[in-house]
Amino acid sequence: MAHLAAAVVVLIWAGMVAAISFLEAPLKFRAPGITVCLGLGIGRLVFRALNLAETAFVVILVIALAAGHPTGRIWVPAAIVWACLFIQVGALSDRLDQRAATIIAGGQVAPSLLHLGYIALEVIKIIALLAVGVLSLA
């Protein structure tokens, strides 16, 4: 049962990340009437909520995996998921949020690779989440 819970959590999680990071985030800026400032304001709220949900999901995942006594190989992609989330929430989110706040306030920011780093981690995280899901169901 714990393996099923882990699979459900990671597959829902992967779907949320894919939908928000790769659909909602870029598409909102194409909507009529959405300014960069408004889009950034929406993005700040959405990603703050996503990161909160992801933090809850990682706790649930660790509990489910520990309860199910899984083989060691499932812990590798699970650790990758945890590391990606840790870097995103611990190192990138606040810096990206500050950049967005500066732009919303009318300020200028220097070019940065922070956003591309966040996106790369999202791709890695989704792949690792899918691996945990597959291994949980195997």
N, C-alpha and C. Protein backbone atom coordinates (compact mmCIF):
# COMPACT_ATOMS: atom_id res chain seq x y z
N MET A 1 0.82 -1.20 0.00
CA MET A 1 0.00 0.00 0.00
C MET A 1 0.86 1.27 0.00
N ALA A 2 2.00 1.22 0.71
CA ALA A 2 2.88 2.39 0.76
C ALA A 2 3.47 2.69 -0.61
N HIS A 3 3.76 1.64 -1.37
CA HIS A 3 4.30 1.86 -2.72
C HIS A 3 3.26 2.56 -3.61
N LEU A 4 2.01 2.17 -3.45
CA LEU A 4 0.95 2.81 -4.23
C LEU A 4 0.80 4.27 -3.83
N ALA A 5 0.87 4.55 -2.53
CA ALA A 5 0.79 5.93 -2.06
C ALA A 5 1.95 6.76 -2.63
N ALA A 6 3.15 6.19 -2.64
CA ALA A 6 4.30 6.90 -3.20
C ALA A 6 4.08 7.19 -4.68
N ALA A 7 3.58 6.18 -5.41
CA ALA A 7 3.35 6.37 -6.85
C ALA A 7 2.31 7.45 -7.09
N VAL A 8 1.24 7.45 -6.35
CA VAL A 8 0.18 8.44 -6.53
C VAL A 8 0.72 9.85 -6.25
N VAL A 9 1.46 9.99 -5.15
CA VAL A 9 2.01 11.30 -4.78
C VAL A 9 2.94 11.83 -5.86
N VAL A 10 3.88 10.99 -6.32
CA VAL A 10 4.86 11.51 -7.28
C VAL A 10 4.25 11.76 -8.65
N LEU A 11 3.25 10.99 -9.04
CA LEU A 11 2.63 11.22 -10.34
C LEU A 11 1.76 12.47 -10.33
N ILE A 12 1.05 12.71 -9.24
CA ILE A 12 0.31 13.97 -9.10
C ILE A 12 1.29 15.14 -9.06
N TRP A 13 2.35 14.98 -8.32
CA TRP A 13 3.38 16.01 -8.20
C TRP A 13 3.98 16.33 -9.57
N ALA A 14 4.36 15.31 -10.32
CA ALA A 14 4.94 15.52 -11.65
C ALA A 14 3.96 16.26 -12.56
N GLY A 15 2.69 15.89 -12.47
CA GLY A 15 1.67 16.57 -13.27
C GLY A 15 1.53 18.03 -12.90
N MET A 16 1.58 18.32 -11.61
CA MET A 16 1.47 19.72 -11.16
C MET A 16 2.65 20.54 -11.65
N VAL A 17 3.84 20.00 -11.52
CA VAL A 17 5.04 20.72 -11.95
C VAL A 17 4.99 20.96 -13.46
N ALA A 18 4.64 19.93 -14.21
CA ALA A 18 4.58 20.07 -15.67
C ALA A 18 3.53 21.11 -16.06
N ALA A 19 2.37 21.05 -15.45
CA ALA A 19 1.29 21.98 -15.80
C ALA A 19 1.63 23.41 -15.44
N ILE A 20 2.21 23.61 -14.29
CA ILE A 20 2.50 24.97 -13.85
C ILE A 20 3.75 25.53 -14.53
N SER A 21 4.82 24.77 -14.50
CA SER A 21 6.10 25.29 -15.01
C SER A 21 6.16 25.37 -16.53
N PHE A 22 5.50 24.44 -17.20
CA PHE A 22 5.67 24.39 -18.65
C PHE A 22 4.42 24.75 -19.44
N LEU A 23 3.30 24.97 -18.75
CA LEU A 23 2.09 25.44 -19.42
C LEU A 23 1.66 26.80 -18.89
N GLU A 24 1.33 26.85 -17.61
CA GLU A 24 0.79 28.09 -17.05
C GLU A 24 1.80 29.22 -17.09
N ALA A 25 3.03 28.97 -16.67
CA ALA A 25 4.02 30.04 -16.56
C ALA A 25 4.26 30.76 -17.89
N PRO A 26 4.57 30.05 -18.95
CA PRO A 26 4.80 30.79 -20.19
C PRO A 26 3.52 31.32 -20.85
N LEU A 27 2.41 30.60 -20.71
CA LEU A 27 1.18 31.02 -21.39
C LEU A 27 0.54 32.26 -20.79
N LYS A 28 0.70 32.47 -19.50
CA LYS A 28 0.04 33.63 -18.87
C LYS A 28 0.50 34.94 -19.48
N PHE A 29 1.73 34.99 -19.96
CA PHE A 29 2.25 36.22 -20.55
C PHE A 29 1.69 36.47 -21.95
N ARG A 30 1.02 35.49 -22.51
CA ARG A 30 0.41 35.65 -23.84
C ARG A 30 -1.07 36.03 -23.76
N ALA A 31 -1.63 36.03 -22.57
CA ALA A 31 -3.04 36.35 -22.40
C ALA A 31 -3.27 37.84 -22.64
N PRO A 32 -4.38 38.18 -23.27
CA PRO A 32 -4.67 39.59 -23.53
C PRO A 32 -4.74 40.39 -22.22
N GLY A 33 -4.10 41.53 -22.23
CA GLY A 33 -4.16 42.42 -21.09
C GLY A 33 -3.19 42.12 -19.96
N ILE A 34 -2.43 41.04 -20.08
CA ILE A 34 -1.49 40.70 -19.01
C ILE A 34 -0.18 41.43 -19.27
N THR A 35 0.19 42.27 -18.34
CA THR A 35 1.46 42.98 -18.42
C THR A 35 2.55 42.10 -17.79
N VAL A 36 3.78 42.47 -18.01
CA VAL A 36 4.89 41.73 -17.39
C VAL A 36 4.75 41.78 -15.87
N CYS A 37 4.42 42.95 -15.35
CA CYS A 37 4.29 43.09 -13.89
C CYS A 37 3.16 42.21 -13.34
N LEU A 38 2.03 42.22 -14.02
CA LEU A 38 0.91 41.39 -13.58
C LEU A 38 1.26 39.90 -13.69
N GLY A 39 1.89 39.52 -14.78
CA GLY A 39 2.31 38.12 -14.95
C GLY A 39 3.29 37.69 -13.88
N LEU A 40 4.24 38.56 -13.57
CA LEU A 40 5.20 38.24 -12.51
C LEU A 40 4.52 38.13 -11.15
N GLY A 41 3.57 39.01 -10.89
CA GLY A 41 2.82 38.94 -9.62
C GLY A 41 2.06 37.63 -9.50
N ILE A 42 1.41 37.22 -10.56
CA ILE A 42 0.70 35.94 -10.57
C ILE A 42 1.70 34.80 -10.38
N GLY A 43 2.80 34.86 -11.11
CA GLY A 43 3.82 33.82 -11.00
C GLY A 43 4.37 33.67 -9.61
N ARG A 44 4.60 34.78 -8.94
CA ARG A 44 5.10 34.72 -7.56
C ARG A 44 4.14 33.96 -6.66
N LEU A 45 2.85 34.25 -6.80
CA LEU A 45 1.85 33.56 -5.98
C LEU A 45 1.76 32.08 -6.33
N VAL A 46 1.73 31.78 -7.62
CA VAL A 46 1.58 30.40 -8.06
C VAL A 46 2.78 29.55 -7.64
N PHE A 47 3.99 30.06 -7.85
CA PHE A 47 5.17 29.27 -7.51
C PHE A 47 5.38 29.16 -6.01
N ARG A 48 4.96 30.16 -5.25
CA ARG A 48 5.01 30.04 -3.79
C ARG A 48 4.08 28.92 -3.33
N ALA A 49 2.89 28.85 -3.91
CA ALA A 49 1.94 27.78 -3.57
C ALA A 49 2.46 26.43 -4.04
N LEU A 50 3.03 26.38 -5.23
CA LEU A 50 3.59 25.12 -5.74
C LEU A 50 4.71 24.63 -4.83
N ASN A 51 5.61 25.51 -4.44
CA ASN A 51 6.71 25.10 -3.56
C ASN A 51 6.21 24.62 -2.21
N LEU A 52 5.16 25.21 -1.70
CA LEU A 52 4.57 24.75 -0.44
C LEU A 52 3.98 23.35 -0.61
N ALA A 53 3.24 23.14 -1.71
CA ALA A 53 2.67 21.82 -1.98
C ALA A 53 3.79 20.79 -2.17
N GLU A 54 4.85 21.17 -2.87
CA GLU A 54 5.95 20.25 -3.10
C GLU A 54 6.64 19.87 -1.80
N THR A 55 6.76 20.81 -0.89
CA THR A 55 7.36 20.51 0.41
C THR A 55 6.52 19.48 1.15
N ALA A 56 5.21 19.62 1.09
CA ALA A 56 4.33 18.61 1.70
C ALA A 56 4.47 17.27 0.98
N PHE A 57 4.53 17.29 -0.34
CA PHE A 57 4.67 16.05 -1.12
C PHE A 57 5.96 15.32 -0.78
N VAL A 58 7.05 16.05 -0.61
CA VAL A 58 8.32 15.38 -0.31
C VAL A 58 8.26 14.70 1.05
N VAL A 59 7.60 15.31 2.01
CA VAL A 59 7.43 14.69 3.32
C VAL A 59 6.59 13.41 3.19
N ILE A 60 5.49 13.50 2.47
CA ILE A 60 4.62 12.34 2.25
C ILE A 60 5.40 11.24 1.53
N LEU A 61 6.18 11.62 0.54
CA LEU A 61 6.96 10.63 -0.22
C LEU A 61 7.95 9.90 0.67
N VAL A 62 8.69 10.62 1.49
CA VAL A 62 9.66 9.98 2.37
C VAL A 62 8.97 9.04 3.35
N ILE A 63 7.84 9.47 3.90
CA ILE A 63 7.09 8.60 4.82
C ILE A 63 6.61 7.34 4.10
N ALA A 64 6.06 7.51 2.90
CA ALA A 64 5.55 6.36 2.14
C ALA A 64 6.68 5.40 1.78
N LEU A 65 7.81 5.94 1.35
CA LEU A 65 8.92 5.07 0.99
C LEU A 65 9.49 4.36 2.21
N ALA A 66 9.61 5.08 3.31
CA ALA A 66 10.13 4.46 4.53
C ALA A 66 9.18 3.38 5.05
N ALA A 67 7.90 3.61 4.94
CA ALA A 67 6.90 2.64 5.41
C ALA A 67 6.87 1.40 4.53
N GLY A 68 7.18 1.57 3.25
CA GLY A 68 7.12 0.46 2.31
C GLY A 68 8.39 -0.36 2.24
N HIS A 69 9.45 0.06 2.94
CA HIS A 69 10.73 -0.64 2.92
C HIS A 69 11.18 -0.94 1.49
N PRO A 70 11.29 0.08 0.66
CA PRO A 70 11.64 -0.16 -0.74
C PRO A 70 13.10 -0.54 -0.92
N THR A 71 13.41 -1.05 -2.08
CA THR A 71 14.79 -1.37 -2.39
C THR A 71 15.59 -0.09 -2.50
N GLY A 72 16.88 -0.21 -2.44
CA GLY A 72 17.75 0.95 -2.47
C GLY A 72 17.67 1.76 -3.75
N ARG A 73 17.33 1.10 -4.86
CA ARG A 73 17.36 1.82 -6.13
C ARG A 73 16.30 2.91 -6.24
N ILE A 74 15.21 2.80 -5.51
CA ILE A 74 14.17 3.84 -5.57
C ILE A 74 14.61 5.11 -4.84
N TRP A 75 15.54 4.95 -3.90
CA TRP A 75 15.99 6.11 -3.14
C TRP A 75 16.86 7.05 -3.97
N VAL A 76 17.47 6.54 -5.04
CA VAL A 76 18.31 7.40 -5.88
C VAL A 76 17.47 8.47 -6.57
N PRO A 77 16.44 8.11 -7.35
CA PRO A 77 15.63 9.18 -7.94
C PRO A 77 14.89 10.01 -6.89
N ALA A 78 14.53 9.39 -5.77
CA ALA A 78 13.87 10.15 -4.70
C ALA A 78 14.82 11.20 -4.14
N ALA A 79 16.09 10.85 -3.99
CA ALA A 79 17.09 11.81 -3.51
C ALA A 79 17.32 12.92 -4.53
N ILE A 80 17.25 12.59 -5.80
CA ILE A 80 17.40 13.61 -6.84
C ILE A 80 16.23 14.60 -6.76
N VAL A 81 15.02 14.07 -6.56
CA VAL A 81 13.84 14.94 -6.39
C VAL A 81 14.06 15.87 -5.21
N TRP A 82 14.47 15.30 -4.09
CA TRP A 82 14.69 16.09 -2.89
C TRP A 82 15.75 17.17 -3.14
N ALA A 83 16.85 16.79 -3.79
CA ALA A 83 17.93 17.74 -4.04
C ALA A 83 17.47 18.88 -4.95
N CYS A 84 16.73 18.54 -6.00
CA CYS A 84 16.21 19.59 -6.90
C CYS A 84 15.32 20.55 -6.14
N LEU A 85 14.41 20.01 -5.35
CA LEU A 85 13.49 20.87 -4.59
C LEU A 85 14.26 21.71 -3.58
N PHE A 86 15.24 21.11 -2.91
CA PHE A 86 16.04 21.83 -1.93
C PHE A 86 16.76 23.02 -2.57
N ILE A 87 17.35 22.79 -3.73
CA ILE A 87 18.06 23.88 -4.43
C ILE A 87 17.07 24.95 -4.88
N GLN A 88 15.94 24.51 -5.43
CA GLN A 88 14.95 25.48 -5.92
C GLN A 88 14.41 26.33 -4.79
N VAL A 89 13.97 25.69 -3.72
CA VAL A 89 13.35 26.43 -2.61
C VAL A 89 14.41 27.13 -1.76
N GLY A 90 15.52 26.46 -1.53
CA GLY A 90 16.54 27.01 -0.64
C GLY A 90 17.44 28.05 -1.27
N ALA A 91 17.69 27.94 -2.57
CA ALA A 91 18.67 28.83 -3.18
C ALA A 91 18.12 29.72 -4.29
N LEU A 92 17.13 29.23 -5.03
CA LEU A 92 16.69 29.98 -6.21
C LEU A 92 15.41 30.77 -6.02
N SER A 93 14.43 30.21 -5.34
CA SER A 93 13.11 30.85 -5.25
C SER A 93 13.16 32.25 -4.67
N ASP A 94 13.87 32.43 -3.59
CA ASP A 94 13.94 33.76 -2.97
C ASP A 94 14.62 34.77 -3.91
N ARG A 95 15.66 34.34 -4.58
CA ARG A 95 16.37 35.24 -5.49
C ARG A 95 15.50 35.59 -6.69
N LEU A 96 14.78 34.60 -7.23
CA LEU A 96 13.87 34.88 -8.35
C LEU A 96 12.71 35.76 -7.89
N ASP A 97 12.22 35.53 -6.68
CA ASP A 97 11.14 36.35 -6.13
C ASP A 97 11.60 37.79 -5.95
N GLN A 98 12.81 37.99 -5.48
CA GLN A 98 13.35 39.35 -5.32
C GLN A 98 13.50 40.05 -6.66
N ARG A 99 13.95 39.32 -7.68
CA ARG A 99 14.07 39.90 -9.02
C ARG A 99 12.70 40.33 -9.53
N ALA A 100 11.70 39.45 -9.35
CA ALA A 100 10.34 39.78 -9.79
C ALA A 100 9.82 41.00 -9.03
N ALA A 101 10.05 41.05 -7.73
CA ALA A 101 9.60 42.19 -6.93
C ALA A 101 10.24 43.49 -7.42
N THR A 102 11.50 43.42 -7.78
CA THR A 102 12.21 44.61 -8.28
C THR A 102 11.58 45.08 -9.59
N ILE A 103 11.29 44.14 -10.49
CA ILE A 103 10.68 44.50 -11.78
C ILE A 103 9.28 45.07 -11.56
N ILE A 104 8.51 44.44 -10.68
CA ILE A 104 7.15 44.91 -10.39
C ILE A 104 7.18 46.34 -9.83
N ALA A 105 8.21 46.63 -9.02
CA ALA A 105 8.35 47.97 -8.43
C ALA A 105 8.91 48.99 -9.42
N GLY A 106 9.18 48.55 -10.65
CA GLY A 106 9.66 49.47 -11.66
C GLY A 106 11.17 49.51 -11.80
N GLY A 107 11.86 48.66 -11.07
CA GLY A 107 13.32 48.64 -11.13
C GLY A 107 13.84 47.79 -12.28
N GLN A 108 15.13 47.87 -12.45
CA GLN A 108 15.82 47.10 -13.48
C GLN A 108 16.64 45.99 -12.82
N VAL A 109 16.74 44.85 -13.50
CA VAL A 109 17.59 43.77 -13.02
C VAL A 109 18.56 43.38 -14.13
N ALA A 110 19.73 42.96 -13.70
CA ALA A 110 20.74 42.53 -14.67
C ALA A 110 20.36 41.14 -15.20
N PRO A 111 20.77 40.83 -16.40
CA PRO A 111 20.51 39.48 -16.92
C PRO A 111 21.08 38.41 -15.98
N SER A 112 20.42 37.29 -15.93
CA SER A 112 20.80 36.24 -15.00
C SER A 112 20.41 34.88 -15.56
N LEU A 113 21.11 33.86 -15.13
CA LEU A 113 20.80 32.48 -15.52
C LEU A 113 19.96 31.76 -14.47
N LEU A 114 19.53 32.47 -13.43
CA LEU A 114 18.75 31.85 -12.36
C LEU A 114 17.50 31.15 -12.89
N HIS A 115 16.79 31.82 -13.78
CA HIS A 115 15.55 31.26 -14.30
C HIS A 115 15.81 29.99 -15.10
N LEU A 116 16.85 30.00 -15.92
CA LEU A 116 17.20 28.80 -16.69
C LEU A 116 17.62 27.66 -15.77
N GLY A 117 18.33 27.98 -14.69
CA GLY A 117 18.70 26.96 -13.70
C GLY A 117 17.48 26.34 -13.06
N TYR A 118 16.50 27.18 -12.73
CA TYR A 118 15.26 26.69 -12.13
C TYR A 118 14.53 25.76 -13.10
N ILE A 119 14.48 26.14 -14.37
CA ILE A 119 13.81 25.33 -15.39
C ILE A 119 14.54 23.99 -15.56
N ALA A 120 15.86 24.03 -15.60
CA ALA A 120 16.63 22.78 -15.73
C ALA A 120 16.34 21.85 -14.57
N LEU A 121 16.27 22.40 -13.38
CA LEU A 121 15.95 21.58 -12.20
C LEU A 121 14.53 21.02 -12.29
N GLU A 122 13.60 21.78 -12.87
CA GLU A 122 12.23 21.28 -13.05
C GLU A 122 12.23 20.06 -13.97
N VAL A 123 12.99 20.12 -15.05
CA VAL A 123 13.07 18.99 -15.98
C VAL A 123 13.66 17.76 -15.28
N ILE A 124 14.77 17.96 -14.59
CA ILE A 124 15.39 16.86 -13.86
C ILE A 124 14.43 16.29 -12.82
N LYS A 125 13.74 17.19 -12.11
CA LYS A 125 12.81 16.75 -11.06
C LYS A 125 11.66 15.93 -11.63
N ILE A 126 11.10 16.35 -12.76
CA ILE A 126 10.00 15.60 -13.37
C ILE A 126 10.48 14.21 -13.79
N ILE A 127 11.64 14.12 -14.39
CA ILE A 127 12.18 12.82 -14.80
C ILE A 127 12.38 11.92 -13.57
N ALA A 128 12.94 12.49 -12.51
CA ALA A 128 13.15 11.71 -11.29
C ALA A 128 11.83 11.32 -10.64
N LEU A 129 10.84 12.21 -10.66
CA LEU A 129 9.53 11.86 -10.11
C LEU A 129 8.91 10.71 -10.88
N LEU A 130 9.00 10.74 -12.20
CA LEU A 130 8.46 9.65 -13.02
C LEU A 130 9.20 8.35 -12.73
N ALA A 131 10.52 8.44 -12.50
CA ALA A 131 11.29 7.24 -12.16
C ALA A 131 10.83 6.66 -10.82
N VAL A 132 10.60 7.52 -9.85
CA VAL A 132 10.10 7.04 -8.54
C VAL A 132 8.73 6.40 -8.73
N GLY A 133 7.87 7.01 -9.54
CA GLY A 133 6.55 6.45 -9.80
C GLY A 133 6.62 5.07 -10.43
N VAL A 134 7.45 4.94 -11.46
CA VAL A 134 7.60 3.64 -12.13
C VAL A 134 8.17 2.59 -11.17
N LEU A 135 9.19 2.96 -10.43
CA LEU A 135 9.80 2.00 -9.48
C LEU A 135 8.84 1.66 -8.36
N SER A 136 8.00 2.58 -7.97
CA SER A 136 7.01 2.30 -6.92
C SER A 136 5.96 1.29 -7.39
N LEU A 137 5.65 1.36 -8.67
CA LEU A 137 4.63 0.46 -9.21
C LEU A 137 5.20 -0.88 -9.67
N ALA A 138 6.53 -0.95 -9.80
CA ALA A 138 7.17 -2.19 -10.30
C ALA A 138 7.13 -3.30 -9.26
